[in-house]
Each structure stands twice: as structure tokens, then as C-alpha cells.
Amino acid sequence: MAITGTEPLHTGALLSVAGLTKRFPVGRHLFRKATSFIHAVDDVTFDLEPGGSLGLVGESGCGKTTVGKLLVKLLEPTSGEILFRLPGLADHAVPDDPSELNEPAVDSASIEGRQLRAFRRRAQMIFQDPYESMNPRRTIYDTIAEPLSVQGMGTLLDRVDRVSEILDQVGLTPPATFLFRHPHELSGGQRQRVAIARALVVGPSFVVADEPTSMLDVSSRTGIMNLMQGLAQDLGVAYLYVTHDLAVARYMCHRIAVMYSGKIVEIGETEELLKNPRHPYTRALLSAVPLPDPGSTREPPDIRGELTAPIDPPARCRFFDRCPMATENCRTSPHPPTEEKSPGHWVACYEV
């Protein structure tokens, strides 16, 4: 069975993405329409269950962050569907308990007005740089309490209590010593904990985490990863975890999707995908992972050239120019559909 980009929302899924595409115009002028486009995201399809976690893995520039921004409506898609089943989204009312998922699916493209406000409460994003994503003039309390104020949640005293509670949950204790400090007074790891607190303070059901540990040192990184895992289990939050590090994705995610030049080329359960990589690009990524034994050696990745240019790419497989398995069929055929090669393991390749 191939994914065509038109499947309905899977039973029980929190999120289902079908045929998601985002193109950015290049060289557009005032009196002339753009004729060239950057194909940042091209026909991406996947689903995510409540409380689940999906790692979106790939090299820089492959479109991972763009997918995350599309899911939380920081960007609007060129085409495709993003279907959510979030508590209170269909009737614009946001219940306090997000655990029950008896909601009809809603296409995020149609969300506006009061419904958009409900969506913002249930879908949040943690950004890569915890310093650049905060206003340096605002205190930690102001930063975390702002979503509560926008959503009209509680009185002033209620918000102080809620901010103190979430600071305690993310490990910034005692909370009173952090409430009125500014971002520059905190370490990188502490700032990222504030960013996580800001995303979770309104009780979201879905969070996009855009490489939240890449700006941190190794000791802080482990603490943040453990924190996010614990909060996901305690709060029942579903994550899309954007990363270029397969080791991080393995530690954090139930499933992994490998992305190359705007396309998902392989997706499956984490251990199955890492033990049985099918796509040549996934194999190359795994061969590039450092070994813990300094005396061990590994064959270099069996790929050639550089990342395929994203501006008006040819219709064939995006990985064709770098693929060691490419054939004449790969050159003359359109990009391969994503097919289920084994139960739950989907690959976009004609040769596997």
C-alpha cells in the first residue's frame, strides 16, 4: 500500500498530515509573478497518536523546522491537509481536561477567530534558541504568564500560582527565586526550561520541539531530554521532535521519520527503523553516527555530492544524484511513493 496523501484521519489519531506542501517564491517582483519556487516541504504525510512522539530527522535545510511551523500555524501551507482532533477545537470551547479525545477532525487551514484561540492553547512550539525566543526586557514570570493572559485563564493570583507550579515541574526551584529574574540572568539550560514551561503552562495536547537541546552543552542536554520525557508521560503531551541527531531521536521518540530535501523518505517504529534501515539515505545517516569506541572504524557514508538544490527540483527521486543504488528507472520515474515494506515500516524507494 502506498501513501498517496489523501488518506483520512486514522482512528484515534491526534494529528494526521496528508500531502503537506510548502513552496516559497524566488525572485518575485512587484509587477511579475514568481516563476521559481523553493520546495521546502513536498507531499509530506504522517500521523501522530495522543501522547505519542515522532522524531523528524534530517540534515540542515531539509524542511524539518518548516514542517513544525506549518503544524502550529506559524506558516500556512501551499497545499495539503493538517487534520487535528484536539479537545474543544470543534466547538471553540476549551475544556480543562484534554485526556478524552472524542472530537471530530478539523483542518487547521479552516481555523480562525475564536477557534484559533482554542487551537493556540492546544498546540504549542518550543524553539531552538531559548534566548532569541524570549523578550530580554521581560521577567520570567511575564514570559510564562503571557499565554495564560492571552487565553484569559484565571485571575492574577491564579496565574502566579500556575507559573510557580510549572516552574517547579520543569525543575526551576524554588520558583520564587526565578519569577522576577530576566533571561540573561539564567544559564542556557535554565532558559530552555523556561521555554518548556511557557509552552506547557496552558496545558497543550501537542507540542513541536524544534531541536530544543542543540544549543546546550552535553550536561544540560541530558537533563532537558529527561525532563521532556517525564513531562510527556505525566501530562500526556504528544511531541513532534525535530532533530538532526539520530541518537537523540532514538532516546526521545516512539517513531522516527527521515526527511530529505522536503520529502519523508522513511518512517517507522524507532528500533525497527534503526535496526533495519531500508532507504540508502537512512543508512548513510546511521553510518555517520560516531562510535563510542575510539579504536573502532566505520566505512564512510556511501553517498556522493551535496544536498539537492531545493529550487524547482526535477520530478524524479530527490536522492537520485547522491544515491549509490540509482537506476535508469529512478531517473525517468517520478519521486517514489511511500510504501509499507514491512508492518509499520514505510519507505520511498523503488529499489528496496
Protein backbone atom coordinates (compact mmCIF):
# COMPACT_ATOMS: atom_id res chain seq x y z
CA MET A 1 0.00 0.00 0.00
CA ALA A 2 1.34 3.44 -0.91
CA ILE A 3 0.65 6.71 0.87
CA THR A 4 -1.00 8.99 -1.67
CA GLY A 5 -1.54 11.99 0.57
CA THR A 6 -5.34 11.63 0.66
CA GLU A 7 -5.94 9.11 3.47
CA PRO A 8 -8.50 10.11 6.14
CA LEU A 9 -7.51 10.77 9.74
CA HIS A 10 -6.60 7.45 11.33
CA THR A 11 -8.90 6.20 14.07
CA GLY A 12 -7.76 7.64 17.37
CA ALA A 13 -5.06 9.86 15.84
CA LEU A 14 -4.46 13.26 17.38
CA LEU A 15 -2.91 14.63 14.19
CA SER A 16 -2.88 13.48 10.58
CA VAL A 17 -0.89 15.24 7.87
CA ALA A 18 -1.76 14.43 4.25
CA GLY A 19 0.09 15.72 1.18
CA LEU A 20 1.52 18.70 3.09
CA THR A 21 3.38 21.07 0.75
CA LYS A 22 5.05 24.44 1.28
CA ARG A 23 6.74 26.41 -1.51
CA PHE A 24 8.43 29.77 -1.17
CA PRO A 25 8.61 32.03 -4.26
CA VAL A 26 12.04 33.04 -5.54
CA GLY A 27 12.77 36.26 -7.42
CA ARG A 28 9.24 37.66 -7.17
CA HIS A 29 8.86 41.23 -8.44
CA LEU A 30 6.17 43.84 -7.85
CA PHE A 31 4.59 43.51 -11.29
CA ARG A 32 5.53 39.93 -12.09
CA LYS A 33 4.58 36.62 -10.52
CA ALA A 34 7.29 34.30 -9.30
CA THR A 35 8.19 31.50 -11.71
CA SER A 36 10.62 29.64 -9.44
CA PHE A 37 9.93 28.18 -6.02
CA ILE A 38 11.83 26.64 -3.12
CA HIS A 39 10.16 23.29 -2.46
CA ALA A 40 10.70 23.39 1.31
CA VAL A 41 8.10 20.71 2.12
CA ASP A 42 6.74 18.45 -0.60
CA ASP A 43 3.86 15.97 -0.20
CA VAL A 44 4.56 15.02 3.42
CA THR A 45 2.18 12.53 5.05
CA PHE A 46 2.18 11.06 8.58
CA ASP A 47 0.03 10.72 11.68
CA LEU A 48 0.59 11.03 15.43
CA GLU A 49 -1.38 9.41 18.21
CA PRO A 50 -2.27 11.08 21.54
CA GLY A 51 0.71 11.03 23.88
CA GLY A 52 2.98 9.74 21.12
CA SER A 53 6.27 11.15 19.88
CA LEU A 54 7.61 11.35 16.34
CA GLY A 55 11.21 12.32 15.61
CA LEU A 56 11.68 14.24 12.37
CA VAL A 57 15.30 13.64 11.37
CA GLY A 58 17.44 15.02 8.54
CA GLU A 59 20.29 17.33 7.66
CA SER A 60 20.05 21.12 7.82
CA GLY A 61 17.83 22.63 5.14
CA CYS A 62 15.70 19.54 4.53
CA GLY A 63 12.47 21.22 5.73
CA LYS A 64 12.12 19.84 9.27
CA THR A 65 11.53 23.19 11.00
CA THR A 66 9.18 24.30 8.22
CA VAL A 67 7.00 21.24 8.89
CA GLY A 68 6.88 22.16 12.59
CA LYS A 69 5.88 25.76 11.86
CA LEU A 70 3.17 24.59 9.47
CA LEU A 71 1.70 22.31 12.13
CA VAL A 72 1.32 25.12 14.68
CA LYS A 73 0.12 27.67 12.08
CA LEU A 74 3.18 29.90 12.15
CA LEU A 75 3.21 29.29 8.38
CA GLU A 76 0.34 28.49 6.04
CA PRO A 77 0.71 25.51 3.68
CA THR A 78 0.69 25.84 -0.10
CA SER A 79 -1.43 22.67 -0.30
CA GLY A 80 -2.31 19.56 1.66
CA GLU A 81 -4.24 18.90 4.86
CA ILE A 82 -3.33 19.15 8.54
CA LEU A 83 -6.14 17.47 10.46
CA PHE A 84 -6.30 17.85 14.24
CA ARG A 85 -8.56 16.21 16.76
CA LEU A 86 -7.92 18.46 19.75
CA PRO A 87 -10.16 18.89 22.80
CA GLY A 88 -12.59 21.80 22.36
CA LEU A 89 -11.41 22.71 18.86
CA ALA A 90 -14.58 21.79 17.01
CA ASP A 91 -16.92 23.77 19.28
CA HIS A 92 -14.45 26.59 20.19
CA ALA A 93 -14.74 25.75 23.89
CA VAL A 94 -11.57 24.59 25.62
CA PRO A 95 -12.26 22.04 28.36
CA ASP A 96 -9.91 21.78 31.32
CA ASP A 97 -9.33 18.05 30.85
CA PRO A 98 -7.67 17.25 27.49
CA SER A 99 -7.47 13.49 28.17
CA GLU A 100 -10.61 12.49 26.29
CA LEU A 101 -10.32 12.56 22.54
CA ASN A 102 -13.91 12.35 21.28
CA GLU A 103 -13.61 15.28 18.91
CA PRO A 104 -14.27 15.49 15.18
CA ALA A 105 -11.25 16.21 13.00
CA VAL A 106 -10.69 19.83 11.99
CA ASP A 107 -8.48 21.02 9.12
CA SER A 108 -6.13 23.67 10.52
CA ALA A 109 -6.47 25.71 7.30
CA SER A 110 -10.06 26.50 8.27
CA ILE A 111 -9.22 27.57 11.83
CA GLU A 112 -9.75 31.26 12.58
CA GLY A 113 -11.22 33.63 15.16
CA ARG A 114 -12.25 32.04 18.46
CA GLN A 115 -11.37 28.62 17.12
CA LEU A 116 -7.80 29.81 16.51
CA ARG A 117 -7.57 30.87 20.15
CA ALA A 118 -8.62 27.37 21.22
CA PHE A 119 -6.05 25.90 18.81
CA ARG A 120 -3.24 28.04 20.25
CA ARG A 121 -3.97 26.63 23.69
CA ARG A 122 -3.75 23.03 22.50
CA ALA A 123 -0.80 23.29 20.05
CA GLN A 124 2.47 24.90 21.15
CA MET A 125 6.10 25.12 19.98
CA ILE A 126 9.45 25.06 21.77
CA PHE A 127 12.04 26.96 19.73
CA GLN A 128 15.66 26.03 19.14
CA ASP A 129 17.28 29.11 20.69
CA PRO A 130 15.87 29.77 24.19
CA TYR A 131 17.39 33.26 24.33
CA GLU A 132 16.30 34.61 20.96
CA SER A 133 12.74 33.35 21.51
CA MET A 134 12.32 35.45 24.68
CA ASN A 135 11.98 39.18 25.21
CA PRO A 136 15.09 40.14 27.23
CA ARG A 137 13.19 43.00 28.89
CA ARG A 138 10.51 40.77 30.36
CA THR A 139 10.80 38.78 33.57
CA ILE A 140 10.45 35.02 33.68
CA TYR A 141 7.02 35.44 35.24
CA ASP A 142 5.89 37.75 32.41
CA THR A 143 7.25 35.35 29.78
CA ILE A 144 5.45 32.29 31.15
CA ALA A 145 2.26 34.06 32.23
CA GLU A 146 1.65 35.73 28.86
CA PRO A 147 -0.11 32.68 27.31
CA LEU A 148 -2.38 32.49 30.36
CA SER A 149 -3.27 36.17 29.96
CA VAL A 150 -3.94 35.81 26.23
CA GLN A 151 -6.19 32.81 26.88
CA GLY A 152 -7.99 34.64 29.72
CA MET A 153 -7.15 31.88 32.19
CA GLY A 154 -7.58 32.71 35.88
CA THR A 155 -7.04 35.79 37.99
CA LEU A 156 -3.68 37.42 38.64
CA LEU A 157 -3.17 35.34 41.76
CA ASP A 158 -4.20 32.18 39.88
CA ARG A 159 -1.55 32.94 37.23
CA VAL A 160 1.15 33.46 39.83
CA ASP A 161 0.26 30.09 41.35
CA ARG A 162 0.18 28.39 37.94
CA VAL A 163 3.55 29.86 36.87
CA SER A 164 5.09 28.80 40.18
CA GLU A 165 3.66 25.30 39.71
CA ILE A 166 5.04 24.90 36.18
CA LEU A 167 8.46 26.27 37.23
CA ASP A 168 8.57 23.59 39.89
CA GLN A 169 7.60 20.94 37.32
CA VAL A 170 10.44 21.92 34.98
CA GLY A 171 13.00 21.87 37.79
CA LEU A 172 13.47 25.61 38.46
CA THR A 173 13.18 25.55 42.23
CA PRO A 174 12.38 27.26 44.45
CA PRO A 175 10.11 29.09 41.95
CA ALA A 176 10.11 32.34 43.94
CA THR A 177 13.80 32.84 43.12
CA PHE A 178 13.15 32.71 39.37
CA LEU A 179 9.85 34.59 38.94
CA PHE A 180 11.30 38.08 38.61
CA ARG A 181 14.65 37.34 37.04
CA HIS A 182 15.42 38.11 33.37
CA PRO A 183 16.62 35.69 30.66
CA HIS A 184 20.22 36.99 30.73
CA GLU A 185 20.46 36.02 34.39
CA LEU A 186 19.90 32.33 33.61
CA SER A 187 22.12 29.64 32.10
CA GLY A 188 21.28 28.11 28.71
CA GLY A 189 19.74 25.05 30.31
CA GLN A 190 17.63 27.17 32.66
CA ARG A 191 16.42 29.32 29.76
CA GLN A 192 15.36 26.21 27.86
CA ARG A 193 13.44 25.03 30.92
CA VAL A 194 11.64 28.40 30.92
CA ALA A 195 10.83 27.89 27.22
CA ILE A 196 9.40 24.45 28.00
CA ALA A 197 7.38 25.92 30.90
CA ARG A 198 5.96 28.63 28.62
CA ALA A 199 4.85 26.01 26.08
CA LEU A 200 3.24 23.73 28.69
CA VAL A 201 1.67 26.28 31.03
CA VAL A 202 -1.66 26.35 29.13
CA GLY A 203 -1.97 22.55 29.04
CA PRO A 204 -1.39 21.73 25.35
CA SER A 205 -2.10 18.35 23.79
CA PHE A 206 0.54 18.71 21.05
CA VAL A 207 3.99 20.33 21.10
CA VAL A 208 6.56 20.86 18.34
CA ALA A 209 10.06 20.75 19.85
CA ASP A 210 12.49 22.30 17.35
CA GLU A 211 15.92 20.93 18.32
CA PRO A 212 15.49 22.09 21.93
CA THR A 213 18.87 20.67 23.03
CA SER A 214 21.11 21.66 20.11
CA MET A 215 22.17 24.98 21.71
CA LEU A 216 23.08 23.37 25.04
CA ASP A 217 26.18 21.69 26.44
CA VAL A 218 26.17 17.94 26.97
CA SER A 219 25.34 18.02 30.69
CA SER A 220 22.37 20.37 30.20
CA ARG A 221 21.19 18.40 27.17
CA THR A 222 20.69 15.19 29.13
CA GLY A 223 18.70 17.00 31.81
CA ILE A 224 16.39 18.63 29.27
CA MET A 225 15.80 15.34 27.45
CA ASN A 226 14.91 13.57 30.70
CA LEU A 227 12.66 16.47 31.70
CA MET A 228 10.73 16.39 28.41
CA GLN A 229 10.28 12.63 28.58
CA GLY A 230 8.94 12.85 32.12
CA LEU A 231 6.57 15.69 31.33
CA ALA A 232 5.28 13.91 28.21
CA GLN A 233 4.37 10.88 30.33
CA ASP A 234 2.92 12.89 33.22
CA LEU A 235 0.91 15.34 31.11
CA GLY A 236 0.04 13.11 28.14
CA VAL A 237 1.53 15.54 25.61
CA ALA A 238 2.25 14.39 22.03
CA TYR A 239 5.55 15.64 20.57
CA LEU A 240 6.91 16.23 17.11
CA TYR A 241 10.62 16.27 17.92
CA VAL A 242 12.73 17.98 15.24
CA THR A 243 16.40 16.98 15.33
CA HIS A 244 19.42 16.16 13.17
CA ASP A 245 20.74 13.71 15.77
CA LEU A 246 19.60 10.09 15.43
CA ALA A 247 20.85 9.27 18.93
CA VAL A 248 18.58 11.96 20.40
CA ALA A 249 15.65 10.77 18.28
CA ARG A 250 16.19 7.21 19.47
CA TYR A 251 16.16 8.29 23.11
CA MET A 252 13.17 10.62 22.82
CA CYS A 253 10.75 9.19 20.24
CA HIS A 254 8.47 6.22 19.67
CA ARG A 255 8.71 6.64 15.88
CA ILE A 256 11.18 8.27 13.51
CA ALA A 257 10.59 9.91 10.12
CA VAL A 258 13.67 10.56 7.98
CA MET A 259 13.39 13.65 5.78
CA TYR A 260 15.46 14.57 2.73
CA SER A 261 15.05 17.69 0.61
CA GLY A 262 11.42 18.29 1.62
CA LYS A 263 10.34 14.64 1.36
CA ILE A 264 9.88 11.96 4.00
CA VAL A 265 11.87 9.00 2.65
CA GLU A 266 11.41 6.54 5.52
CA ILE A 267 9.21 6.29 8.59
CA GLY A 268 8.70 3.59 11.19
CA GLU A 269 8.97 2.49 14.81
CA THR A 270 12.25 3.73 16.26
CA GLU A 271 14.04 0.44 16.95
CA GLU A 272 12.77 -1.18 13.76
CA LEU A 273 13.95 1.71 11.61
CA LEU A 274 17.38 1.90 13.26
CA LYS A 275 17.99 -1.85 13.15
CA ASN A 276 16.59 -2.30 9.64
CA PRO A 277 17.18 0.92 7.67
CA ARG A 278 15.85 0.44 4.13
CA HIS A 279 16.43 3.76 2.37
CA PRO A 280 20.05 4.48 1.31
CA TYR A 281 19.87 7.94 2.89
CA THR A 282 18.85 6.49 6.27
CA ARG A 283 21.76 4.05 6.01
CA ALA A 284 24.11 6.94 5.28
CA LEU A 285 22.85 8.85 8.32
CA LEU A 286 23.41 5.83 10.55
CA SER A 287 26.90 5.23 9.18
CA ALA A 288 27.79 8.83 10.10
CA VAL A 289 26.87 8.39 13.78
CA PRO A 290 30.11 8.43 15.89
CA LEU A 291 31.11 5.20 17.59
CA PRO A 292 31.77 5.28 21.36
CA ASP A 293 34.94 3.18 20.94
CA PRO A 294 37.78 5.43 19.68
CA GLY A 295 39.58 2.38 18.30
CA SER A 296 36.67 1.38 16.08
CA THR A 297 36.41 2.41 12.46
CA ARG A 298 33.46 2.55 10.11
CA GLU A 299 33.13 2.80 6.36
CA PRO A 300 32.32 6.37 5.23
CA PRO A 301 28.72 7.04 4.10
CA ASP A 302 28.16 5.61 0.62
CA ILE A 303 26.72 8.77 -0.89
CA ARG A 304 28.20 11.43 -3.13
CA GLY A 305 27.77 15.12 -3.86
CA GLU A 306 25.88 17.74 -1.89
CA LEU A 307 22.29 18.28 -0.78
CA THR A 308 19.97 18.53 -3.77
CA ALA A 309 19.07 22.14 -4.64
CA PRO A 310 15.52 22.84 -3.39
CA ILE A 311 14.67 25.37 -6.14
CA ASP A 312 12.42 23.73 -8.75
CA PRO A 313 13.90 20.22 -8.31
CA PRO A 314 13.24 17.63 -11.05
CA ALA A 315 10.25 15.34 -10.59
CA ARG A 316 12.42 12.25 -10.08
CA CYS A 317 13.61 10.93 -6.71
CA ARG A 318 15.17 13.77 -4.70
CA PHE A 319 18.03 11.49 -3.64
CA PHE A 320 18.86 10.34 -7.20
CA ASP A 321 22.04 12.40 -7.70
CA ARG A 322 23.60 11.05 -4.47
CA CYS A 323 22.18 7.54 -4.39
CA PRO A 324 24.52 4.52 -4.77
CA MET A 325 21.54 2.36 -5.84
CA ALA A 326 20.09 4.68 -8.51
CA THR A 327 18.91 3.07 -11.75
CA GLU A 328 17.50 4.26 -15.05
CA ASN A 329 14.01 3.72 -13.64
CA CYS A 330 14.84 6.14 -10.81
CA ARG A 331 15.94 8.76 -13.35
CA THR A 332 12.86 8.56 -15.57
CA SER A 333 10.14 7.92 -12.97
CA PRO A 334 8.56 10.45 -10.59
CA HIS A 335 9.57 10.51 -6.94
CA PRO A 336 8.70 7.08 -5.49
CA PRO A 337 5.58 6.82 -3.33
CA THR A 338 5.95 5.92 0.33
CA GLU A 339 5.11 2.21 0.55
CA GLU A 340 4.79 -0.14 3.51
CA LYS A 341 7.72 -2.56 3.09
CA SER A 342 7.03 -4.33 6.39
CA PRO A 343 4.36 -3.80 9.07
CA GLY A 344 4.57 -0.16 10.18
CA HIS A 345 7.76 0.49 8.17
CA TRP A 346 7.28 2.83 5.20
CA VAL A 347 9.94 3.65 2.59
CA ALA A 348 10.04 5.86 -0.52
CA CYS A 349 12.40 3.95 -2.81
CA TYR A 350 11.97 1.86 -5.96
CA GLU A 351 14.98 -0.35 -5.20
CA VAL A 352 14.17 -1.69 -1.71
